[in-house]
Structures are given as C-alpha cells and as structure tokens.
Amino acid sequence: MLTHTSVRFVMTALILAALPWTAAAQVSKSAAIAKELVQVMEAKKLDSIAAKTPGGEGQYAAALYFPNVQLLVISGRYSAPQLMEPKLAGKQYRDTYMELSGTVSADSKIFVQDMGEPGLSAKKQENMYDTWTRAGKIVMFDGENEKQKLSDAEYAKAFTDADEEYARILGALLAEAKK
C-alpha cells in the first residue's frame, strides 16, 4: 500500500519527467505574427522593416528578412528619437536596422535570430534553431537546455517570455509593414 508521501513522490516524479517535453510542445505565440509579417514583406518586396514599439519613448524595432532562411530582429531604446523619426518617415528601414544595431542601449537591446520557419520554436527545426539575446544574455532555443546550464523549467520560462516579447515586437513591425 502506498503512503501519502509515496504518492506525492510518485506524482512529483511524473510531473518532472514530463517537463522536458513541455518546452518542445509549447505553441509559439510569435509564429502566426511572424508568418504574416513575412507574407506582407514578400508581397511588398521588402527586405527590411522598422517601427516604433510600445513601451515608452524612444523604443524601436527593425528587421532584416532573408527569404526562406531567417528573420533578424533588433529592438531597444534609442537615445535620440528625433533622429530616428525621419528615417522611419522616409521608410529607410535598412538604415534604421543598421542604426539600431550599433546604438541601442545595451540594457534594453533585444536581438533575435529567427531561423527557418518564422516565429520562435523551442527546439531545432531541420538543424536550425532560434536565438534570443536580451541585454547580452543569449538563449539558444535548440532543445538542449542542459548545455546552457538551464533547468527544464528555466528553459521553458525563457522560451515563453521571449516568445511573448517577440510577438509584441513583431506586431509593431507588422503594423508598419501593412501601411
């Protein structure tokens, strides 16, 4: 007969055993938005896009698109919004991307390498994986969290947080692309 403690132990073990599958099975919130952004960019023959993002004065994002390969996205706080606004108004999206790459404040900088299928994925797809860099800390969504010294729960949380923020950034870029 199992004691109450034994039952609790067995249940905990089963839950922990299922955690590695949790991150891999997570549904990406950014995937649908990223796919739509890519479709709009292709239809308008854009290889780059940039926009103001919600979250305060001087918050911007920009993306470079390499068809069927990757979407590179950068976001963060730009210290001189008065210099960025003319670039956006003139649809100088690639210039905006380059400017943000070198000048966004390090503490607010987000850089995403969205490889293969648009949108973040928690594990490798066809030997490609996405990376998320925030304020210099890199997380590789390759499904190999142990190599990054992340527990299953930490990896799953990192993916969820990154995916939600990425979806928000992509939403701003999509709105600009649709104009």
C-alpha atoms as a PDB file:
ATOM      1  CA  MET A   1       0.000   0.000   0.000  1.00  0.00           C
ATOM      2  CA  LEU A   2       1.347   3.424  -0.928  1.00  0.00           C
ATOM      3  CA  THR A   3       1.587   6.027   1.777  1.00  0.00           C
ATOM      4  CA  HIS A   4       0.568   9.636   1.233  1.00  0.00           C
ATOM      5  CA  THR A   5       4.278  10.584   0.987  1.00  0.00           C
ATOM      6  CA  SER A   6       4.935   7.855  -1.577  1.00  0.00           C
ATOM      7  CA  VAL A   7       2.021   9.004  -3.719  1.00  0.00           C
ATOM      8  CA  ARG A   8       3.272  12.589  -3.546  1.00  0.00           C
ATOM      9  CA  PHE A   9       6.783  11.424  -4.535  1.00  0.00           C
ATOM     10  CA  VAL A  10       5.487   9.408  -7.495  1.00  0.00           C
ATOM     11  CA  MET A  11       3.317  12.316  -8.704  1.00  0.00           C
ATOM     12  CA  THR A  12       6.245  14.736  -8.450  1.00  0.00           C
ATOM     13  CA  ALA A  13       8.483  12.338 -10.377  1.00  0.00           C
ATOM     14  CA  LEU A  14       5.872  12.003 -13.136  1.00  0.00           C
ATOM     15  CA  ILE A  15       5.488  15.760 -13.427  1.00  0.00           C
ATOM     16  CA  LEU A  16       9.254  16.287 -13.561  1.00  0.00           C
ATOM     17  CA  ALA A  17       9.613  13.551 -16.164  1.00  0.00           C
ATOM     18  CA  ALA A  18       7.114  15.366 -18.380  1.00  0.00           C
ATOM     19  CA  LEU A  19       8.892  18.741 -18.173  1.00  0.00           C
ATOM     20  CA  PRO A  20      11.428  18.125 -20.958  1.00  0.00           C
ATOM     21  CA  TRP A  21       8.529  17.680 -23.340  1.00  0.00           C
ATOM     22  CA  THR A  22       6.811  20.856 -22.124  1.00  0.00           C
ATOM     23  CA  ALA A  23       9.207  23.300 -23.803  1.00  0.00           C
ATOM     24  CA  ALA A  24       9.256  21.293 -27.010  1.00  0.00           C
ATOM     25  CA  ALA A  25       5.483  21.128 -27.114  1.00  0.00           C
ATOM     26  CA  GLN A  26       4.883  24.803 -26.376  1.00  0.00           C
ATOM     27  CA  VAL A  27       2.875  26.613 -29.001  1.00  0.00           C
ATOM     28  CA  SER A  28       4.625  29.693 -30.327  1.00  0.00           C
ATOM     29  CA  LYS A  29       2.670  32.936 -29.991  1.00  0.00           C
ATOM     30  CA  SER A  30       5.089  34.641 -32.364  1.00  0.00           C
ATOM     31  CA  ALA A  31       4.736  32.127 -35.221  1.00  0.00           C
ATOM     32  CA  ALA A  32       1.458  33.398 -36.695  1.00  0.00           C
ATOM     33  CA  ILE A  33       2.540  37.046 -36.491  1.00  0.00           C
ATOM     34  CA  ALA A  34       5.980  36.267 -37.952  1.00  0.00           C
ATOM     35  CA  LYS A  35       4.425  34.328 -40.842  1.00  0.00           C
ATOM     36  CA  GLU A  36       2.053  37.189 -41.601  1.00  0.00           C
ATOM     37  CA  LEU A  37       4.897  39.714 -41.419  1.00  0.00           C
ATOM     38  CA  VAL A  38       6.963  37.651 -43.862  1.00  0.00           C
ATOM     39  CA  GLN A  39       3.978  37.357 -46.237  1.00  0.00           C
ATOM     40  CA  VAL A  40       3.388  41.120 -46.188  1.00  0.00           C
ATOM     41  CA  MET A  41       7.093  41.835 -46.681  1.00  0.00           C
ATOM     42  CA  GLU A  42       7.257  39.426 -49.627  1.00  0.00           C
ATOM     43  CA  ALA A  43       4.107  40.902 -51.194  1.00  0.00           C
ATOM     44  CA  LYS A  44       5.551  44.415 -50.899  1.00  0.00           C
ATOM     45  CA  LYS A  45       9.039  43.254 -51.916  1.00  0.00           C
ATOM     46  CA  LEU A  46      10.572  44.488 -48.653  1.00  0.00           C
ATOM     47  CA  ASP A  47      13.787  43.033 -47.287  1.00  0.00           C
ATOM     48  CA  SER A  48      13.649  45.185 -44.153  1.00  0.00           C
ATOM     49  CA  ILE A  49      11.108  46.900 -41.915  1.00  0.00           C
ATOM     50  CA  ALA A  50      11.283  49.172 -38.872  1.00  0.00           C
ATOM     51  CA  ALA A  51       8.813  50.714 -36.436  1.00  0.00           C
ATOM     52  CA  LYS A  52       8.297  52.368 -33.088  1.00  0.00           C
ATOM     53  CA  THR A  53       7.346  49.814 -30.470  1.00  0.00           C
ATOM     54  CA  PRO A  54       5.070  50.221 -27.477  1.00  0.00           C
ATOM     55  CA  GLY A  55       6.817  50.557 -24.152  1.00  0.00           C
ATOM     56  CA  GLY A  56       7.972  54.114 -23.829  1.00  0.00           C
ATOM     57  CA  GLU A  57       9.679  56.990 -25.539  1.00  0.00           C
ATOM     58  CA  GLY A  58      12.449  56.019 -27.922  1.00  0.00           C
ATOM     59  CA  GLN A  59      11.559  52.313 -28.273  1.00  0.00           C
ATOM     60  CA  TYR A  60      12.146  50.973 -31.777  1.00  0.00           C
ATOM     61  CA  ALA A  61      12.484  47.703 -33.640  1.00  0.00           C
ATOM     62  CA  ALA A  62      13.771  46.728 -37.058  1.00  0.00           C
ATOM     63  CA  ALA A  63      14.105  43.517 -39.027  1.00  0.00           C
ATOM     64  CA  LEU A  64      16.056  42.183 -41.974  1.00  0.00           C
ATOM     65  CA  TYR A  65      14.437  39.357 -43.916  1.00  0.00           C
ATOM     66  CA  PHE A  66      16.314  36.713 -45.867  1.00  0.00           C
ATOM     67  CA  PRO A  67      13.625  34.652 -47.658  1.00  0.00           C
ATOM     68  CA  ASN A  68      13.295  31.041 -46.535  1.00  0.00           C
ATOM     69  CA  VAL A  69      16.331  31.400 -44.277  1.00  0.00           C
ATOM     70  CA  GLN A  70      15.993  33.875 -41.429  1.00  0.00           C
ATOM     71  CA  LEU A  71      14.480  36.973 -39.933  1.00  0.00           C
ATOM     72  CA  LEU A  72      16.914  39.104 -37.906  1.00  0.00           C
ATOM     73  CA  VAL A  73      15.167  41.408 -35.458  1.00  0.00           C
ATOM     74  CA  ILE A  74      16.619  44.069 -33.196  1.00  0.00           C
ATOM     75  CA  SER A  75      14.737  46.133 -30.666  1.00  0.00           C
ATOM     76  CA  GLY A  76      15.517  48.534 -27.862  1.00  0.00           C
ATOM     77  CA  ARG A  77      15.707  52.086 -26.609  1.00  0.00           C
ATOM     78  CA  TYR A  78      17.284  54.650 -28.937  1.00  0.00           C
ATOM     79  CA  SER A  79      18.628  57.718 -27.156  1.00  0.00           C
ATOM     80  CA  ALA A  80      17.827  60.256 -29.898  1.00  0.00           C
ATOM     81  CA  PRO A  81      14.282  59.636 -31.176  1.00  0.00           C
ATOM     82  CA  GLN A  82      14.338  62.947 -33.061  1.00  0.00           C
ATOM     83  CA  LEU A  83      16.990  61.422 -35.336  1.00  0.00           C
ATOM     84  CA  MET A  84      15.110  58.157 -35.836  1.00  0.00           C
ATOM     85  CA  GLU A  85      11.737  59.619 -36.804  1.00  0.00           C
ATOM     86  CA  PRO A  86      12.899  60.970 -40.213  1.00  0.00           C
ATOM     87  CA  LYS A  87      14.334  57.541 -41.101  1.00  0.00           C
ATOM     88  CA  LEU A  88      11.007  55.874 -40.312  1.00  0.00           C
ATOM     89  CA  ALA A  89       9.027  58.540 -42.147  1.00  0.00           C
ATOM     90  CA  GLY A  90      11.264  58.046 -45.185  1.00  0.00           C
ATOM     91  CA  LYS A  91      10.873  54.263 -44.973  1.00  0.00           C
ATOM     92  CA  GLN A  92      14.649  53.901 -44.637  1.00  0.00           C
ATOM     93  CA  TYR A  93      14.180  50.582 -42.897  1.00  0.00           C
ATOM     94  CA  ARG A  94      17.578  49.038 -43.613  1.00  0.00           C
ATOM     95  CA  ASP A  95      19.322  52.214 -42.409  1.00  0.00           C
ATOM     96  CA  THR A  96      17.175  52.084 -39.286  1.00  0.00           C
ATOM     97  CA  TYR A  97      18.186  48.463 -38.681  1.00  0.00           C
ATOM     98  CA  MET A  98      21.864  49.335 -39.035  1.00  0.00           C
ATOM     99  CA  GLU A  99      21.498  52.345 -36.740  1.00  0.00           C
ATOM    100  CA  LEU A 100      19.729  50.324 -34.064  1.00  0.00           C
ATOM    101  CA  SER A 101      22.309  47.527 -34.326  1.00  0.00           C
ATOM    102  CA  GLY A 102      25.085  49.802 -33.229  1.00  0.00           C
ATOM    103  CA  THR A 103      23.417  52.317 -30.948  1.00  0.00           C
ATOM    104  CA  VAL A 104      20.610  50.742 -28.945  1.00  0.00           C
ATOM    105  CA  SER A 105      21.372  50.914 -25.226  1.00  0.00           C
ATOM    106  CA  ALA A 106      22.814  47.584 -24.099  1.00  0.00           C
ATOM    107  CA  ASP A 107      20.429  47.212 -21.153  1.00  0.00           C
ATOM    108  CA  SER A 108      17.369  47.387 -23.426  1.00  0.00           C
ATOM    109  CA  LYS A 109      18.743  45.599 -26.502  1.00  0.00           C
ATOM    110  CA  ILE A 110      16.937  42.537 -27.829  1.00  0.00           C
ATOM    111  CA  PHE A 111      18.320  40.633 -30.795  1.00  0.00           C
ATOM    112  CA  VAL A 112      16.531  37.666 -32.367  1.00  0.00           C
ATOM    113  CA  GLN A 113      17.839  35.240 -34.950  1.00  0.00           C
ATOM    114  CA  ASP A 114      14.644  33.634 -36.194  1.00  0.00           C
ATOM    115  CA  MET A 115      15.886  30.761 -38.345  1.00  0.00           C
ATOM    116  CA  GLY A 116      13.846  28.643 -40.754  1.00  0.00           C
ATOM    117  CA  GLU A 117      10.110  28.758 -40.163  1.00  0.00           C
ATOM    118  CA  PRO A 118       9.069  32.254 -38.994  1.00  0.00           C
ATOM    119  CA  GLY A 119       8.398  32.596 -35.269  1.00  0.00           C
ATOM    120  CA  LEU A 120      10.272  31.238 -32.291  1.00  0.00           C
ATOM    121  CA  SER A 121      10.492  27.500 -31.805  1.00  0.00           C
ATOM    122  CA  ALA A 122      11.610  25.871 -28.556  1.00  0.00           C
ATOM    123  CA  LYS A 123      13.696  23.255 -30.354  1.00  0.00           C
ATOM    124  CA  LYS A 124      15.724  22.710 -33.529  1.00  0.00           C
ATOM    125  CA  GLN A 125      13.932  22.505 -36.838  1.00  0.00           C
ATOM    126  CA  GLU A 126      15.861  20.965 -39.727  1.00  0.00           C
ATOM    127  CA  ASN A 127      19.187  21.533 -37.897  1.00  0.00           C
ATOM    128  CA  MET A 128      18.402  25.235 -37.383  1.00  0.00           C
ATOM    129  CA  TYR A 129      17.431  26.901 -34.144  1.00  0.00           C
ATOM    130  CA  ASP A 130      16.396  30.349 -32.987  1.00  0.00           C
ATOM    131  CA  THR A 131      18.375  32.521 -30.596  1.00  0.00           C
ATOM    132  CA  TRP A 132      17.186  35.241 -28.251  1.00  0.00           C
ATOM    133  CA  THR A 133      19.591  37.810 -26.834  1.00  0.00           C
ATOM    134  CA  ARG A 134      18.432  40.289 -24.227  1.00  0.00           C
ATOM    135  CA  ALA A 135      20.859  42.715 -22.579  1.00  0.00           C
ATOM    136  CA  GLY A 136      23.761  40.486 -23.637  1.00  0.00           C
ATOM    137  CA  LYS A 137      22.336  37.200 -22.309  1.00  0.00           C
ATOM    138  CA  ILE A 138      21.897  34.635 -25.094  1.00  0.00           C
ATOM    139  CA  VAL A 139      19.431  31.741 -25.032  1.00  0.00           C
ATOM    140  CA  MET A 140      19.620  29.202 -27.839  1.00  0.00           C
ATOM    141  CA  PHE A 141      16.276  27.512 -28.452  1.00  0.00           C
ATOM    142  CA  ASP A 142      17.818  24.281 -29.647  1.00  0.00           C
ATOM    143  CA  GLY A 143      16.149  21.979 -27.126  1.00  0.00           C
ATOM    144  CA  GLU A 144      19.471  21.379 -25.380  1.00  0.00           C
ATOM    145  CA  ASN A 145      18.956  23.389 -22.218  1.00  0.00           C
ATOM    146  CA  GLU A 146      21.491  21.351 -20.220  1.00  0.00           C
ATOM    147  CA  LYS A 147      24.346  22.700 -22.360  1.00  0.00           C
ATOM    148  CA  GLN A 148      23.203  26.210 -21.408  1.00  0.00           C
ATOM    149  CA  LYS A 149      23.043  25.261 -17.735  1.00  0.00           C
ATOM    150  CA  LEU A 150      19.279  25.842 -17.649  1.00  0.00           C
ATOM    151  CA  SER A 151      16.819  23.575 -15.910  1.00  0.00           C
ATOM    152  CA  ASP A 152      13.810  22.398 -17.904  1.00  0.00           C
ATOM    153  CA  ALA A 153      11.639  24.917 -16.050  1.00  0.00           C
ATOM    154  CA  GLU A 154      14.100  27.777 -16.681  1.00  0.00           C
ATOM    155  CA  TYR A 155      14.300  26.883 -20.362  1.00  0.00           C
ATOM    156  CA  ALA A 156      10.504  26.734 -20.683  1.00  0.00           C
ATOM    157  CA  LYS A 157      10.146  30.107 -18.913  1.00  0.00           C
ATOM    158  CA  ALA A 158      12.877  31.672 -21.073  1.00  0.00           C
ATOM    159  CA  PHE A 159      11.069  30.456 -24.190  1.00  0.00           C
ATOM    160  CA  THR A 160       7.651  31.680 -23.028  1.00  0.00           C
ATOM    161  CA  ASP A 161       8.976  35.107 -22.029  1.00  0.00           C
ATOM    162  CA  ALA A 162      10.982  35.519 -25.246  1.00  0.00           C
ATOM    163  CA  ASP A 163       8.096  34.347 -27.418  1.00  0.00           C
ATOM    164  CA  GLU A 164       5.641  36.789 -25.831  1.00  0.00           C
ATOM    165  CA  GLU A 165       8.039  39.730 -26.186  1.00  0.00           C
ATOM    166  CA  TYR A 166       8.931  38.708 -29.733  1.00  0.00           C
ATOM    167  CA  ALA A 167       5.233  38.568 -30.662  1.00  0.00           C
ATOM    168  CA  ARG A 168       4.809  42.108 -29.294  1.00  0.00           C
ATOM    169  CA  ILE A 169       7.785  43.399 -31.320  1.00  0.00           C
ATOM    170  CA  LEU A 170       6.610  41.620 -34.477  1.00  0.00           C
ATOM    171  CA  GLY A 171       3.153  43.141 -34.024  1.00  0.00           C
ATOM    172  CA  ALA A 172       4.631  46.644 -34.258  1.00  0.00           C
ATOM    173  CA  LEU A 173       6.673  45.680 -37.330  1.00  0.00           C
ATOM    174  CA  LEU A 174       3.633  44.076 -38.966  1.00  0.00           C
ATOM    175  CA  ALA A 175       1.527  47.204 -38.399  1.00  0.00           C
ATOM    176  CA  GLU A 176       4.218  49.290 -40.103  1.00  0.00           C
ATOM    177  CA  ALA A 177       4.564  46.824 -42.992  1.00  0.00           C
ATOM    178  CA  LYS A 178       0.811  46.973 -43.636  1.00  0.00           C
ATOM    179  CA  LYS A 179       0.830  50.788 -44.056  1.00  0.00           C
END
